C-alpha atoms as a PDB file:
ATOM      1  CA  MET A   1      16.869  49.954  60.653  1.00  0.00           C
ATOM      2  CA  ALA A   2      17.934  49.123  57.146  1.00  0.00           C
ATOM      3  CA  THR A   3      21.073  48.442  55.265  1.00  0.00           C
ATOM      4  CA  THR A   4      21.623  49.480  51.697  1.00  0.00           C
ATOM      5  CA  SER A   5      24.118  48.077  49.272  1.00  0.00           C
ATOM      6  CA  THR A   6      26.717  50.248  47.658  1.00  0.00           C
ATOM      7  CA  ALA A   7      26.585  48.634  44.247  1.00  0.00           C
ATOM      8  CA  SER A   8      23.478  49.406  42.238  1.00  0.00           C
ATOM      9  CA  ASN A   9      23.116  45.818  41.001  1.00  0.00           C
ATOM     10  CA  GLU A  10      23.065  44.302  44.490  1.00  0.00           C
ATOM     11  CA  PRO A  11      19.673  43.931  46.160  1.00  0.00           C
ATOM     12  CA  LEU A  12      18.664  46.310  48.940  1.00  0.00           C
ATOM     13  CA  ARG A  13      18.342  44.700  52.336  1.00  0.00           C
ATOM     14  CA  VAL A  14      16.549  45.300  55.627  1.00  0.00           C
ATOM     15  CA  ASP A  15      17.026  43.563  58.990  1.00  0.00           C
ATOM     16  CA  THR A  16      13.433  42.842  60.001  1.00  0.00           C
ATOM     17  CA  HIS A  17      14.406  42.079  63.594  1.00  0.00           C
ATOM     18  CA  LEU A  18      15.953  45.534  63.882  1.00  0.00           C
ATOM     19  CA  ALA A  19      12.717  46.965  62.485  1.00  0.00           C
ATOM     20  CA  LYS A  20      10.673  45.075  65.097  1.00  0.00           C
ATOM     21  CA  PHE A  21      13.045  46.204  67.849  1.00  0.00           C
ATOM     22  CA  SER A  22      12.672  49.826  66.703  1.00  0.00           C
ATOM     23  CA  GLN A  23       8.890  49.527  66.624  1.00  0.00           C
ATOM     24  CA  ALA A  24       8.813  47.950  70.091  1.00  0.00           C
ATOM     25  CA  CYS A  25      10.981  50.748  71.485  1.00  0.00           C
ATOM     26  CA  THR A  26       8.753  53.380  69.879  1.00  0.00           C
ATOM     27  CA  VAL A  27       5.623  51.721  71.295  1.00  0.00           C
ATOM     28  CA  LEU A  28       7.229  51.562  74.742  1.00  0.00           C
ATOM     29  CA  LEU A  29       8.469  55.170  74.732  1.00  0.00           C
ATOM     30  CA  THR A  30       5.251  56.711  73.399  1.00  0.00           C
ATOM     31  CA  ALA A  31       3.220  54.733  75.933  1.00  0.00           C
ATOM     32  CA  LEU A  32       5.541  55.741  78.793  1.00  0.00           C
ATOM     33  CA  GLY A  33       5.351  59.397  77.794  1.00  0.00           C
ATOM     34  CA  PHE A  34       1.566  59.254  77.836  1.00  0.00           C
ATOM     35  CA  LEU A  35       1.159  57.158  80.988  1.00  0.00           C
ATOM     36  CA  LEU A  36       3.693  59.195  82.982  1.00  0.00           C
ATOM     37  CA  ASN A  37       2.454  62.489  81.461  1.00  0.00           C
ATOM     38  CA  GLN A  38       6.026  63.348  80.459  1.00  0.00           C
ATOM     39  CA  PRO A  39       6.299  65.332  77.209  1.00  0.00           C
ATOM     40  CA  VAL A  40      10.086  65.112  77.448  1.00  0.00           C
ATOM     41  CA  ILE A  41       9.851  61.377  76.676  1.00  0.00           C
ATOM     42  CA  VAL A  42       7.839  62.262  73.581  1.00  0.00           C
ATOM     43  CA  LEU A  43      10.523  64.745  72.529  1.00  0.00           C
ATOM     44  CA  VAL A  44      13.309  62.208  73.077  1.00  0.00           C
ATOM     45  CA  THR A  45      11.394  59.659  70.984  1.00  0.00           C
ATOM     46  CA  ALA A  46      10.933  62.252  68.232  1.00  0.00           C
ATOM     47  CA  ILE A  47      14.675  62.927  68.200  1.00  0.00           C
ATOM     48  CA  ILE A  48      15.451  59.195  68.072  1.00  0.00           C
ATOM     49  CA  LEU A  49      13.057  58.688  65.147  1.00  0.00           C
ATOM     50  CA  ALA A  50      14.451  61.724  63.312  1.00  0.00           C
ATOM     51  CA  ILE A  51      17.994  60.375  63.648  1.00  0.00           C
ATOM     52  CA  ALA A  52      16.820  56.938  62.486  1.00  0.00           C
ATOM     53  CA  ALA A  53      15.150  58.468  59.430  1.00  0.00           C
ATOM     54  CA  LEU A  54      17.938  60.880  58.471  1.00  0.00           C
ATOM     55  CA  ALA A  55      21.065  58.963  59.511  1.00  0.00           C
ATOM     56  CA  PRO A  56      20.165  55.285  59.975  1.00  0.00           C
ATOM     57  CA  ALA A  57      23.777  54.254  60.580  1.00  0.00           C
ATOM     58  CA  ILE A  58      23.848  56.202  63.870  1.00  0.00           C
ATOM     59  CA  SER A  59      20.263  55.542  64.918  1.00  0.00           C
ATOM     60  CA  PRO A  60      20.037  55.018  68.700  1.00  0.00           C
ATOM     61  CA  TYR A  61      17.748  52.046  68.047  1.00  0.00           C
ATOM     62  CA  ARG A  62      20.332  50.474  65.722  1.00  0.00           C
ATOM     63  CA  LEU A  63      23.163  51.137  68.155  1.00  0.00           C
ATOM     64  CA  ALA A  64      21.237  49.578  71.059  1.00  0.00           C
ATOM     65  CA  TYR A  65      20.237  46.634  68.869  1.00  0.00           C
ATOM     66  CA  ARG A  66      23.841  45.977  67.859  1.00  0.00           C
ATOM     67  CA  ALA A  67      25.368  46.661  71.291  1.00  0.00           C
ATOM     68  CA  ILE A  68      22.807  44.948  73.535  1.00  0.00           C
ATOM     69  CA  VAL A  69      20.300  42.749  71.702  1.00  0.00           C
ATOM     70  CA  LEU A  70      22.594  40.940  69.249  1.00  0.00           C
ATOM     71  CA  PRO A  71      25.469  40.223  71.703  1.00  0.00           C
ATOM     72  CA  SER A  72      23.001  38.873  74.265  1.00  0.00           C
ATOM     73  CA  HIS A  73      21.726  36.442  71.606  1.00  0.00           C
ATOM     74  CA  LEU A  74      18.098  37.465  72.182  1.00  0.00           C
ATOM     75  CA  VAL A  75      17.591  37.459  68.410  1.00  0.00           C
ATOM     76  CA  ARG A  76      19.695  36.954  65.322  1.00  0.00           C
ATOM     77  CA  PRO A  77      19.554  39.341  62.375  1.00  0.00           C
ATOM     78  CA  ARG A  78      16.889  38.457  59.807  1.00  0.00           C
ATOM     79  CA  ILE A  79      18.035  40.113  56.604  1.00  0.00           C
ATOM     80  CA  VAL A  80      15.522  40.260  53.746  1.00  0.00           C
ATOM     81  CA  GLU A  81      15.509  41.931  50.347  1.00  0.00           C
ATOM     82  CA  ASP A  82      13.570  45.163  50.733  1.00  0.00           C
ATOM     83  CA  ASP A  83      13.947  48.862  50.018  1.00  0.00           C
ATOM     84  CA  PRO A  84      14.774  50.700  53.268  1.00  0.00           C
ATOM     85  CA  ALA A  85      13.445  54.048  51.975  1.00  0.00           C
ATOM     86  CA  PRO A  86       9.767  53.413  52.877  1.00  0.00           C
ATOM     87  CA  HIS A  87      10.785  52.395  56.398  1.00  0.00           C
ATOM     88  CA  ARG A  88      12.864  55.560  56.838  1.00  0.00           C
ATOM     89  CA  PHE A  89       9.932  57.587  55.484  1.00  0.00           C
ATOM     90  CA  ALA A  90       7.643  56.003  58.096  1.00  0.00           C
ATOM     91  CA  GLN A  91      10.129  56.859  60.846  1.00  0.00           C
ATOM     92  CA  GLY A  92      10.310  60.417  59.525  1.00  0.00           C
ATOM     93  CA  VAL A  93       6.528  60.755  59.628  1.00  0.00           C
ATOM     94  CA  GLY A  94       6.542  59.438  63.190  1.00  0.00           C
ATOM     95  CA  ALA A  95       9.243  61.953  64.113  1.00  0.00           C
ATOM     96  CA  VAL A  96       7.235  64.844  62.626  1.00  0.00           C
ATOM     97  CA  LEU A  97       4.099  63.792  64.524  1.00  0.00           C
ATOM     98  CA  LEU A  98       6.037  63.468  67.779  1.00  0.00           C
ATOM     99  CA  PHE A  99       7.802  66.825  67.295  1.00  0.00           C
ATOM    100  CA  ALA A 100       4.381  68.391  66.718  1.00  0.00           C
ATOM    101  CA  SER A 101       3.092  66.613  69.821  1.00  0.00           C
ATOM    102  CA  SER A 102       6.030  67.949  71.839  1.00  0.00           C
ATOM    103  CA  LEU A 103       5.477  71.506  70.649  1.00  0.00           C
ATOM    104  CA  VAL A 104       1.791  71.347  71.531  1.00  0.00           C
ATOM    105  CA  LEU A 105       2.463  69.778  74.933  1.00  0.00           C
ATOM    106  CA  PHE A 106       5.251  72.200  75.888  1.00  0.00           C
ATOM    107  CA  PHE A 107       3.900  75.473  74.519  1.00  0.00           C
ATOM    108  CA  THR A 108       0.098  75.326  74.483  1.00  0.00           C
ATOM    109  CA  PRO A 109      -2.646  74.362  76.916  1.00  0.00           C
ATOM    110  CA  ALA A 110      -4.061  71.897  74.334  1.00  0.00           C
ATOM    111  CA  ALA A 111      -2.781  68.751  76.039  1.00  0.00           C
ATOM    112  CA  VAL A 112      -5.488  66.597  74.459  1.00  0.00           C
ATOM    113  CA  ALA A 113      -4.251  67.474  70.963  1.00  0.00           C
ATOM    114  CA  GLY A 114      -0.625  66.809  71.923  1.00  0.00           C
ATOM    115  CA  TRP A 115      -1.345  63.447  73.497  1.00  0.00           C
ATOM    116  CA  THR A 116      -3.551  62.509  70.537  1.00  0.00           C
ATOM    117  CA  LEU A 117      -0.574  62.948  68.205  1.00  0.00           C
ATOM    118  CA  ASP A 118       1.538  60.822  70.546  1.00  0.00           C
ATOM    119  CA  LEU A 119      -1.115  58.102  70.633  1.00  0.00           C
ATOM    120  CA  ILE A 120      -1.387  58.104  66.819  1.00  0.00           C
ATOM    121  CA  VAL A 121       2.308  57.189  66.646  1.00  0.00           C
ATOM    122  CA  PHE A 122       1.774  54.621  69.420  1.00  0.00           C
ATOM    123  CA  VAL A 123      -1.113  52.947  67.559  1.00  0.00           C
ATOM    124  CA  LEU A 124       0.602  52.948  64.145  1.00  0.00           C
ATOM    125  CA  SER A 125       3.822  51.551  65.633  1.00  0.00           C
ATOM    126  CA  ALA A 126       1.859  48.881  67.508  1.00  0.00           C
ATOM    127  CA  ILE A 127      -0.008  47.884  64.336  1.00  0.00           C
ATOM    128  CA  ASN A 128       3.316  47.516  62.545  1.00  0.00           C
ATOM    129  CA  LEU A 129       4.847  45.603  65.455  1.00  0.00           C
ATOM    130  CA  PHE A 130       1.993  43.154  66.051  1.00  0.00           C
ATOM    131  CA  ILE A 131       0.254  42.886  62.676  1.00  0.00           C
ATOM    132  CA  GLY A 132       3.073  43.748  60.279  1.00  0.00           C
ATOM    133  CA  PHE A 133       1.306  46.555  58.399  1.00  0.00           C
ATOM    134  CA  CYS A 134       3.437  49.686  58.031  1.00  0.00           C
ATOM    135  CA  ALA A 135       1.119  52.630  57.344  1.00  0.00           C
ATOM    136  CA  GLY A 136       4.041  54.936  56.523  1.00  0.00           C
ATOM    137  CA  CYS A 137       5.390  52.411  54.018  1.00  0.00           C
ATOM    138  CA  PHE A 138       1.926  52.123  52.478  1.00  0.00           C
ATOM    139  CA  VAL A 139       1.777  55.906  52.029  1.00  0.00           C
ATOM    140  CA  TYR A 140       5.316  55.930  50.591  1.00  0.00           C
ATOM    141  CA  TYR A 141       4.464  53.242  48.024  1.00  0.00           C
ATOM    142  CA  HIS A 142       1.378  55.133  46.865  1.00  0.00           C
ATOM    143  CA  LEU A 143       3.137  58.505  46.737  1.00  0.00           C
ATOM    144  CA  GLY A 144       5.789  56.797  44.606  1.00  0.00           C
ATOM    145  CA  ARG A 145       3.142  55.443  42.260  1.00  0.00           C
ATOM    146  CA  VAL A 146       1.810  58.941  41.564  1.00  0.00           C
ATOM    147  CA  GLY A 147       5.314  60.394  41.229  1.00  0.00           C
ATOM    148  CA  LEU A 148       5.521  62.453  44.420  1.00  0.00           C
ATOM    149  CA  LEU A 149       8.283  60.284  45.899  1.00  0.00           C
ATOM    150  CA  PRO A 150      10.853  57.987  44.285  1.00  0.00           C
ATOM    151  CA  GLN A 151       9.496  54.606  43.311  1.00  0.00           C
ATOM    152  CA  VAL A 152      10.415  51.722  45.548  1.00  0.00           C
ATOM    153  CA  ARG A 153      13.678  50.165  44.377  1.00  0.00           C
ATOM    154  CA  TYR A 154      12.715  46.615  45.304  1.00  0.00           C
ATOM    155  CA  GLU A 155      11.929  44.405  42.323  1.00  0.00           C
ATOM    156  CA  GLY A 156      10.418  41.451  44.189  1.00  0.00           C
ATOM    157  CA  ALA A 157       6.765  40.783  44.783  1.00  0.00           C
ATOM    158  CA  PHE A 158       4.978  42.160  47.826  1.00  0.00           C
ATOM    159  CA  HIS A 159       4.904  39.721  50.740  1.00  0.00           C
ATOM    160  CA  TRP A 160       2.949  40.665  53.828  1.00  0.00           C
ATOM    161  CA  ARG A 161       5.215  39.804  56.783  1.00  0.00           C
ATOM    162  CA  GLY A 162       2.564  39.557  59.432  1.00  0.00           C
ATOM    163  CA  VAL A 163       3.910  38.797  62.893  1.00  0.00           C
END
């Protein structure tokens, strides 16, 4: 989802269209898993989000974006100065919730709890996609303020992207 610069004096950058594409895919996959009652879709989405959080260069969302979306000229990259760490944190939180959902759905009779975790990721991804508020990024910023996570490395002022 994000690109980082190698030199410490260069600004950090994020492709916001890749972020929106990732959010749309997450919304679609979590909704499909729920509507089709297929926990395997939830597990696949969890794996995709975990890869995106831990190794963004080989994220399936990024690969699809670069191989399909960009060559088809559906969108052009929109690169902005931003720290990619909060976005990766948000994807990691989504992955954890979806892994937990998968475990509950596969190994317990508590389907309501499993699908609730799936729908939490669906709702938070949809809010980010349509309104532009990233709850995971918000948590990351505040955990950085109290010293539990690294502070955001972006020096610019906060600008709410909206839609």
